[in-house]
PDB file of N, CA and C in Angstrom:
ATOM      1  N   GLY A   1       4.096   9.207  19.339  1.00  0.00           N
ATOM      2  CA  GLY A   1       4.208   8.205  19.869  1.00  0.00           C
ATOM      3  C   GLY A   1       3.071   7.287  19.789  1.00  0.00           C
ATOM      4  N   LYS A   2       1.111   7.081  19.399  1.00  0.00           N
ATOM      5  CA  LYS A   2       0.878   6.196  19.544  1.00  0.00           C
ATOM      6  C   LYS A   2       0.914   5.208  18.129  1.00  0.00           C
ATOM      7  N   SER A   3       0.858   3.673  18.856  1.00  0.00           N
ATOM      8  CA  SER A   3       0.915   2.305  18.136  1.00  0.00           C
ATOM      9  C   SER A   3      -0.073   2.412  17.284  1.00  0.00           C
ATOM     10  N   LEU A   4       0.036   2.821  15.660  1.00  0.00           N
ATOM     11  CA  LEU A   4      -1.180   2.139  14.545  1.00  0.00           C
ATOM     12  C   LEU A   4      -0.715   0.517  14.095  1.00  0.00           C
ATOM     13  N   MET A   5      -1.920   0.312  15.013  1.00  0.00           N
ATOM     14  CA  MET A   5      -2.657  -0.962  14.619  1.00  0.00           C
ATOM     15  C   MET A   5      -3.965  -1.089  12.989  1.00  0.00           C
ATOM     16  N   LEU A   6      -2.902  -2.465  11.899  1.00  0.00           N
ATOM     17  CA  LEU A   6      -3.499  -2.594  11.448  1.00  0.00           C
ATOM     18  C   LEU A   6      -3.919  -4.784  11.743  1.00  0.00           C
ATOM     19  N   ARG A   7      -4.993  -4.518  10.383  1.00  0.00           N
ATOM     20  CA  ARG A   7      -5.573  -5.854  10.069  1.00  0.00           C
ATOM     21  C   ARG A   7      -5.120  -6.529   8.191  1.00  0.00           C
ATOM     22  N   ILE A   8      -3.904  -7.369   8.558  1.00  0.00           N
ATOM     23  CA  ILE A   8      -3.771  -7.555   7.436  1.00  0.00           C
ATOM     24  C   ILE A   8      -4.276  -8.723   6.630  1.00  0.00           C
ATOM     25  N   GLN A   9      -4.665  -8.517   5.211  1.00  0.00           N
ATOM     26  CA  GLN A   9      -5.542  -9.829   5.256  1.00  0.00           C
ATOM     27  C   GLN A   9      -5.650 -10.143   3.276  1.00  0.00           C
ATOM     28  N   GLY A  10      -5.729 -11.839   3.052  1.00  0.00           N
ATOM     29  CA  GLY A  10      -5.552 -11.655   1.930  1.00  0.00           C
ATOM     30  C   GLY A  10      -4.866 -11.291   0.924  1.00  0.00           C
ATOM     31  N   LEU A  11      -3.478 -11.468   0.906  1.00  0.00           N
ATOM     32  CA  LEU A  11      -2.773 -11.927  -0.107  1.00  0.00           C
ATOM     33  C   LEU A  11      -2.938 -12.249  -1.267  1.00  0.00           C
ATOM     34  N   GLU A  12      -2.364 -11.389  -2.305  1.00  0.00           N
ATOM     35  CA  GLU A  12      -2.721 -11.690  -3.638  1.00  0.00           C
ATOM     36  C   GLU A  12      -2.009 -11.306  -4.223  1.00  0.00           C
ATOM     37  N   TYR A  13      -1.663 -12.072  -6.109  1.00  0.00           N
ATOM     38  CA  TYR A  13      -0.649 -12.122  -6.738  1.00  0.00           C
ATOM     39  C   TYR A  13      -1.374 -11.447  -7.710  1.00  0.00           C
ATOM     40  N   MET A  14      -0.233 -10.387  -8.697  1.00  0.00           N
ATOM     41  CA  MET A  14      -0.217  -9.521 -10.562  1.00  0.00           C
ATOM     42  C   MET A  14       0.256 -10.251 -11.149  1.00  0.00           C
ATOM     43  N   ASN A  15      -1.159 -11.294 -11.187  1.00  0.00           N
ATOM     44  CA  ASN A  15      -0.617 -11.888 -12.825  1.00  0.00           C
ATOM     45  C   ASN A  15      -1.277 -13.507 -13.223  1.00  0.00           C
ATOM     46  N   ASP A  16      -1.770 -13.268 -14.107  1.00  0.00           N
ATOM     47  CA  ASP A  16      -2.466 -15.091 -14.275  1.00  0.00           C
ATOM     48  C   ASP A  16      -2.436 -16.070 -14.449  1.00  0.00           C
ATOM     49  N   ASP A  17      -0.314 -16.124 -13.540  1.00  0.00           N
ATOM     50  CA  ASP A  17       0.195 -16.839 -14.233  1.00  0.00           C
ATOM     51  C   ASP A  17       0.856 -17.099 -12.531  1.00  0.00           C
ATOM     52  N   PRO A  18       0.659 -18.153 -10.998  1.00  0.00           N
ATOM     53  CA  PRO A  18       1.415 -17.492  -9.952  1.00  0.00           C
ATOM     54  C   PRO A  18       3.360 -17.953 -10.506  1.00  0.00           C
ATOM     55  N   SER A  19       3.442 -18.688 -11.374  1.00  0.00           N
ATOM     56  CA  SER A  19       4.753 -18.748 -11.561  1.00  0.00           C
ATOM     57  C   SER A  19       5.420 -17.587 -11.798  1.00  0.00           C
ATOM     58  N   GLU A  20       4.694 -16.930 -12.909  1.00  0.00           N
ATOM     59  CA  GLU A  20       5.424 -15.442 -13.644  1.00  0.00           C
ATOM     60  C   GLU A  20       5.353 -14.400 -12.656  1.00  0.00           C
ATOM     61  N   VAL A  21       4.704 -14.686 -11.626  1.00  0.00           N
ATOM     62  CA  VAL A  21       4.710 -12.833 -10.175  1.00  0.00           C
ATOM     63  C   VAL A  21       5.699 -12.306 -10.258  1.00  0.00           C
ATOM     64  N   ASP A  22       4.618 -11.259 -10.131  1.00  0.00           N
ATOM     65  CA  ASP A  22       5.638  -9.642 -10.208  1.00  0.00           C
ATOM     66  C   ASP A  22       5.551  -8.820  -8.714  1.00  0.00           C
ATOM     67  N   VAL A  23       4.148  -8.686  -8.591  1.00  0.00           N
ATOM     68  CA  VAL A  23       3.847  -8.180  -7.070  1.00  0.00           C
ATOM     69  C   VAL A  23       2.351  -8.491  -6.219  1.00  0.00           C
ATOM     70  N   LEU A  24       3.458  -9.007  -5.021  1.00  0.00           N
ATOM     71  CA  LEU A  24       2.110  -9.188  -3.942  1.00  0.00           C
ATOM     72  C   LEU A  24       1.533  -8.043  -3.385  1.00  0.00           C
ATOM     73  N   TYR A  25       0.028  -8.879  -3.366  1.00  0.00           N
ATOM     74  CA  TYR A  25      -0.201  -7.204  -2.671  1.00  0.00           C
ATOM     75  C   TYR A  25      -1.752  -8.411  -1.612  1.00  0.00           C
ATOM     76  N   VAL A  26      -1.284  -7.147   0.198  1.00  0.00           N
ATOM     77  CA  VAL A  26      -3.232  -7.450   0.495  1.00  0.00           C
ATOM     78  C   VAL A  26      -3.370  -5.886   0.774  1.00  0.00           C
ATOM     79  N   LYS A  27      -5.257  -6.575   1.501  1.00  0.00           N
ATOM     80  CA  LYS A  27      -5.978  -5.492   1.719  1.00  0.00           C
ATOM     81  C   LYS A  27      -5.827  -5.219   2.908  1.00  0.00           C
ATOM     82  N   VAL A  28      -5.644  -3.674   3.593  1.00  0.00           N
ATOM     83  CA  VAL A  28      -4.894  -3.544   4.817  1.00  0.00           C
ATOM     84  C   VAL A  28      -5.846  -2.054   5.380  1.00  0.00           C
ATOM     85  N   GLU A  29      -6.474  -2.730   6.818  1.00  0.00           N
ATOM     86  CA  GLU A  29      -7.620  -1.733   7.243  1.00  0.00           C
ATOM     87  C   GLU A  29      -6.947  -1.169   8.722  1.00  0.00           C
ATOM     88  N   GLU A  30      -7.301   0.031   8.695  1.00  0.00           N
ATOM     89  CA  GLU A  30      -6.526  -0.104   9.843  1.00  0.00           C
ATOM     90  C   GLU A  30      -7.486  -0.014  11.029  1.00  0.00           C
ATOM     91  N   VAL A  31      -6.891  -0.044  12.242  1.00  0.00           N
ATOM     92  CA  VAL A  31      -8.149  -1.343  13.638  1.00  0.00           C
ATOM     93  C   VAL A  31      -8.338   0.423  14.079  1.00  0.00           C
ATOM     94  N   GLY A  32      -9.063   1.064  14.376  1.00  0.00           N
ATOM     95  CA  GLY A  32      -9.831   1.948  15.616  1.00  0.00           C
ATOM     96  C   GLY A  32     -10.571   2.712  14.349  1.00  0.00           C
ATOM     97  N   GLY A  33     -10.124   3.653  13.560  1.00  0.00           N
ATOM     98  CA  GLY A  33     -10.265   3.748  11.976  1.00  0.00           C
ATOM     99  C   GLY A  33     -10.264   5.536  12.320  1.00  0.00           C
ATOM    100  N   GLU A  34      -9.819   5.912  12.598  1.00  0.00           N
ATOM    101  CA  GLU A  34      -8.605   6.921  13.645  1.00  0.00           C
ATOM    102  C   GLU A  34      -8.734   8.315  11.825  1.00  0.00           C
ATOM    103  N   GLY A  35      -7.860   7.029  10.832  1.00  0.00           N
ATOM    104  CA  GLY A  35      -7.489   8.091   9.358  1.00  0.00           C
ATOM    105  C   GLY A  35      -6.267   8.475  10.030  1.00  0.00           C
ATOM    106  N   ARG A  36      -5.537   7.478  10.612  1.00  0.00           N
ATOM    107  CA  ARG A  36      -4.056   7.710  10.287  1.00  0.00           C
ATOM    108  C   ARG A  36      -3.204   7.096   9.420  1.00  0.00           C
ATOM    109  N   LEU A  37      -3.973   5.606   9.178  1.00  0.00           N
ATOM    110  CA  LEU A  37      -3.439   4.888   8.284  1.00  0.00           C
ATOM    111  C   LEU A  37      -3.453   5.929   6.871  1.00  0.00           C
ATOM    112  N   GLU A  38      -4.686   6.707   6.598  1.00  0.00           N
ATOM    113  CA  GLU A  38      -4.641   7.260   4.910  1.00  0.00           C
ATOM    114  C   GLU A  38      -3.447   8.143   5.250  1.00  0.00           C
ATOM    115  N   ARG A  39      -3.423   9.312   6.265  1.00  0.00           N
ATOM    116  CA  ARG A  39      -2.735  10.396   6.340  1.00  0.00           C
ATOM    117  C   ARG A  39      -1.601  10.429   6.318  1.00  0.00           C
ATOM    118  N   LEU A  40      -1.099   8.606   6.765  1.00  0.00           N
ATOM    119  CA  LEU A  40       0.931   8.646   6.248  1.00  0.00           C
ATOM    120  C   LEU A  40       0.572   7.861   4.999  1.00  0.00           C
ATOM    121  N   CYS A  41       0.052   6.859   4.457  1.00  0.00           N
ATOM    122  CA  CYS A  41       0.232   6.889   2.853  1.00  0.00           C
ATOM    123  C   CYS A  41       0.169   8.207   2.162  1.00  0.00           C
ATOM    124  N   GLU A  42      -1.049   9.241   2.619  1.00  0.00           N
ATOM    125  CA  GLU A  42      -0.447  10.356   1.592  1.00  0.00           C
ATOM    126  C   GLU A  42       0.427  10.826   1.363  1.00  0.00           C
ATOM    127  N   ALA A  43       1.187  10.756   2.877  1.00  0.00           N
ATOM    128  CA  ALA A  43       2.146  11.519   2.988  1.00  0.00           C
ATOM    129  C   ALA A  43       2.871  11.125   2.635  1.00  0.00           C
ATOM    130  N   VAL A  44       3.470   9.903   2.722  1.00  0.00           N
ATOM    131  CA  VAL A  44       5.060   9.050   1.466  1.00  0.00           C
ATOM    132  C   VAL A  44       4.424   8.898   0.569  1.00  0.00           C
ATOM    133  N   VAL A  45       2.625   8.897  -1.004  1.00  0.00           N
ATOM    134  CA  VAL A  45       2.728   9.788  -2.159  1.00  0.00           C
ATOM    135  C   VAL A  45       3.813  10.505  -2.221  1.00  0.00           C
ATOM    136  N   ASP A  46       2.776  11.675  -1.345  1.00  0.00           N
ATOM    137  CA  ASP A  46       2.960  13.368  -2.053  1.00  0.00           C
ATOM    138  C   ASP A  46       5.205  13.516  -2.006  1.00  0.00           C
ATOM    139  N   LEU A  47       5.742  12.393  -0.954  1.00  0.00           N
ATOM    140  CA  LEU A  47       7.119  12.911  -0.772  1.00  0.00           C
ATOM    141  C   LEU A  47       7.692  12.009  -1.783  1.00  0.00           C
ATOM    142  N   PHE A  48       7.154  10.985  -2.378  1.00  0.00           N
ATOM    143  CA  PHE A  48       7.746  10.116  -3.512  1.00  0.00           C
ATOM    144  C   PHE A  48       6.944  10.902  -4.755  1.00  0.00           C
ATOM    145  N   ALA A  49       6.251  11.253  -4.761  1.00  0.00           N
ATOM    146  CA  ALA A  49       5.719  13.124  -5.814  1.00  0.00           C
ATOM    147  C   ALA A  49       6.870  14.235  -6.179  1.00  0.00           C
ATOM    148  N   ASP A  50       6.890  14.665  -5.522  1.00  0.00           N
ATOM    149  CA  ASP A  50       7.468  15.616  -4.810  1.00  0.00           C
ATOM    150  C   ASP A  50       9.118  15.569  -4.891  1.00  0.00           C
ATOM    151  N   GLU A  51       9.391  13.947  -5.153  1.00  0.00           N
ATOM    152  CA  GLU A  51      10.751  13.710  -5.237  1.00  0.00           C
ATOM    153  C   GLU A  51      11.027  13.368  -7.416  1.00  0.00           C
ATOM    154  N   GLY A  52       9.690  12.583  -7.791  1.00  0.00           N
ATOM    155  CA  GLY A  52       9.970  12.194  -8.585  1.00  0.00           C
ATOM    156  C   GLY A  52      10.127  11.535  -8.700  1.00  0.00           C
ATOM    157  N   LEU A  53       9.971  10.109  -8.352  1.00  0.00           N
ATOM    158  CA  LEU A  53      10.079   9.048  -8.049  1.00  0.00           C
ATOM    159  C   LEU A  53       8.188   8.337  -8.413  1.00  0.00           C
ATOM    160  N   LEU A  54       7.067   8.867  -8.915  1.00  0.00           N
ATOM    161  CA  LEU A  54       6.103   7.853  -9.294  1.00  0.00           C
ATOM    162  C   LEU A  54       5.663   8.957 -10.987  1.00  0.00           C
ATOM    163  N   LEU A  55       5.008   7.948 -11.430  1.00  0.00           N
ATOM    164  CA  LEU A  55       4.763   8.477 -12.719  1.00  0.00           C
ATOM    165  C   LEU A  55       3.201   9.192 -13.169  1.00  0.00           C
ATOM    166  N   SER A  56       2.390   8.621 -11.836  1.00  0.00           N
ATOM    167  CA  SER A  56       0.803   9.618 -11.329  1.00  0.00           C
ATOM    168  C   SER A  56       0.670   9.006 -10.079  1.00  0.00           C
ATOM    169  N   LYS A  57       0.111   9.227  -9.374  1.00  0.00           N
ATOM    170  CA  LYS A  57      -1.171  10.315  -8.268  1.00  0.00           C
ATOM    171  C   LYS A  57      -2.076   9.159  -8.620  1.00  0.00           C
ATOM    172  N   VAL A  58      -2.198   8.004  -7.961  1.00  0.00           N
ATOM    173  CA  VAL A  58      -3.540   6.804  -8.115  1.00  0.00           C
ATOM    174  C   VAL A  58      -3.671   6.776  -6.644  1.00  0.00           C
ATOM    175  N   LYS A  59      -4.884   6.852  -6.611  1.00  0.00           N
ATOM    176  CA  LYS A  59      -5.461   5.645  -5.369  1.00  0.00           C
ATOM    177  C   LYS A  59      -5.966   5.034  -4.693  1.00  0.00           C
ATOM    178  N   GLN A  60      -5.468   3.935  -4.296  1.00  0.00           N
ATOM    179  CA  GLN A  60      -6.213   2.705  -4.552  1.00  0.00           C
ATOM    180  C   GLN A  60      -5.601   2.206  -2.802  1.00  0.00           C
ATOM    181  N   PRO A  61      -6.729   1.579  -2.577  1.00  0.00           N
ATOM    182  CA  PRO A  61      -6.547   0.636  -1.387  1.00  0.00           C
ATOM    183  C   PRO A  61      -5.638  -0.134  -1.634  1.00  0.00           C
ATOM    184  N   LEU A  62      -4.356  -0.301  -1.453  1.00  0.00           N
ATOM    185  CA  LEU A  62      -3.141  -1.595  -1.949  1.00  0.00           C
ATOM    186  C   LEU A  62      -2.190  -1.230  -1.094  1.00  0.00           C
ATOM    187  N   ALA A  63      -1.273  -1.734  -1.189  1.00  0.00           N
ATOM    188  CA  ALA A  63      -0.114  -1.907  -0.324  1.00  0.00           C
ATOM    189  C   ALA A  63       1.230  -3.129  -0.865  1.00  0.00           C
ATOM    190  N   THR A  64       1.710  -2.420  -1.726  1.00  0.00           N
ATOM    191  CA  THR A  64       2.685  -3.515  -1.976  1.00  0.00           C
ATOM    192  C   THR A  64       4.176  -3.695  -1.461  1.00  0.00           C
ATOM    193  N   LEU A  65       3.755  -5.124  -1.367  1.00  0.00           N
ATOM    194  CA  LEU A  65       4.464  -6.004  -0.091  1.00  0.00           C
ATOM    195  C   LEU A  65       5.490  -6.657  -1.152  1.00  0.00           C
ATOM    196  N   MET A  66       5.750  -6.632  -2.472  1.00  0.00           N
ATOM    197  CA  MET A  66       7.004  -6.382  -2.915  1.00  0.00           C
ATOM    198  C   MET A  66       7.018  -6.528  -4.582  1.00  0.00           C
ATOM    199  N   LYS A  67       8.014  -6.269  -5.107  1.00  0.00           N
ATOM    200  CA  LYS A  67       7.819  -5.708  -6.589  1.00  0.00           C
ATOM    201  C   LYS A  67       9.201  -5.987  -6.719  1.00  0.00           C
ATOM    202  N   TRP A  68       9.743  -7.078  -7.801  1.00  0.00           N
ATOM    203  CA  TRP A  68      10.869  -7.163  -8.701  1.00  0.00           C
ATOM    204  C   TRP A  68      10.780  -6.912 -10.057  1.00  0.00           C
TER     205      TRP A  68
END
């Protein structure tokens, strides 16, 4: 029941041409550094992998905001 405080910064996009953007991403950092965000992300990745929804498990400090 404890809140997870995050610091989000640096909105970026994946593409050389801003008019052709498919993915936006930000740097996300846990405030307090207890490792809860990393554990949450690992649990989500494991769940998606177990369900066959990932091509591979890639460990990157990115959070995808939009992808279309």
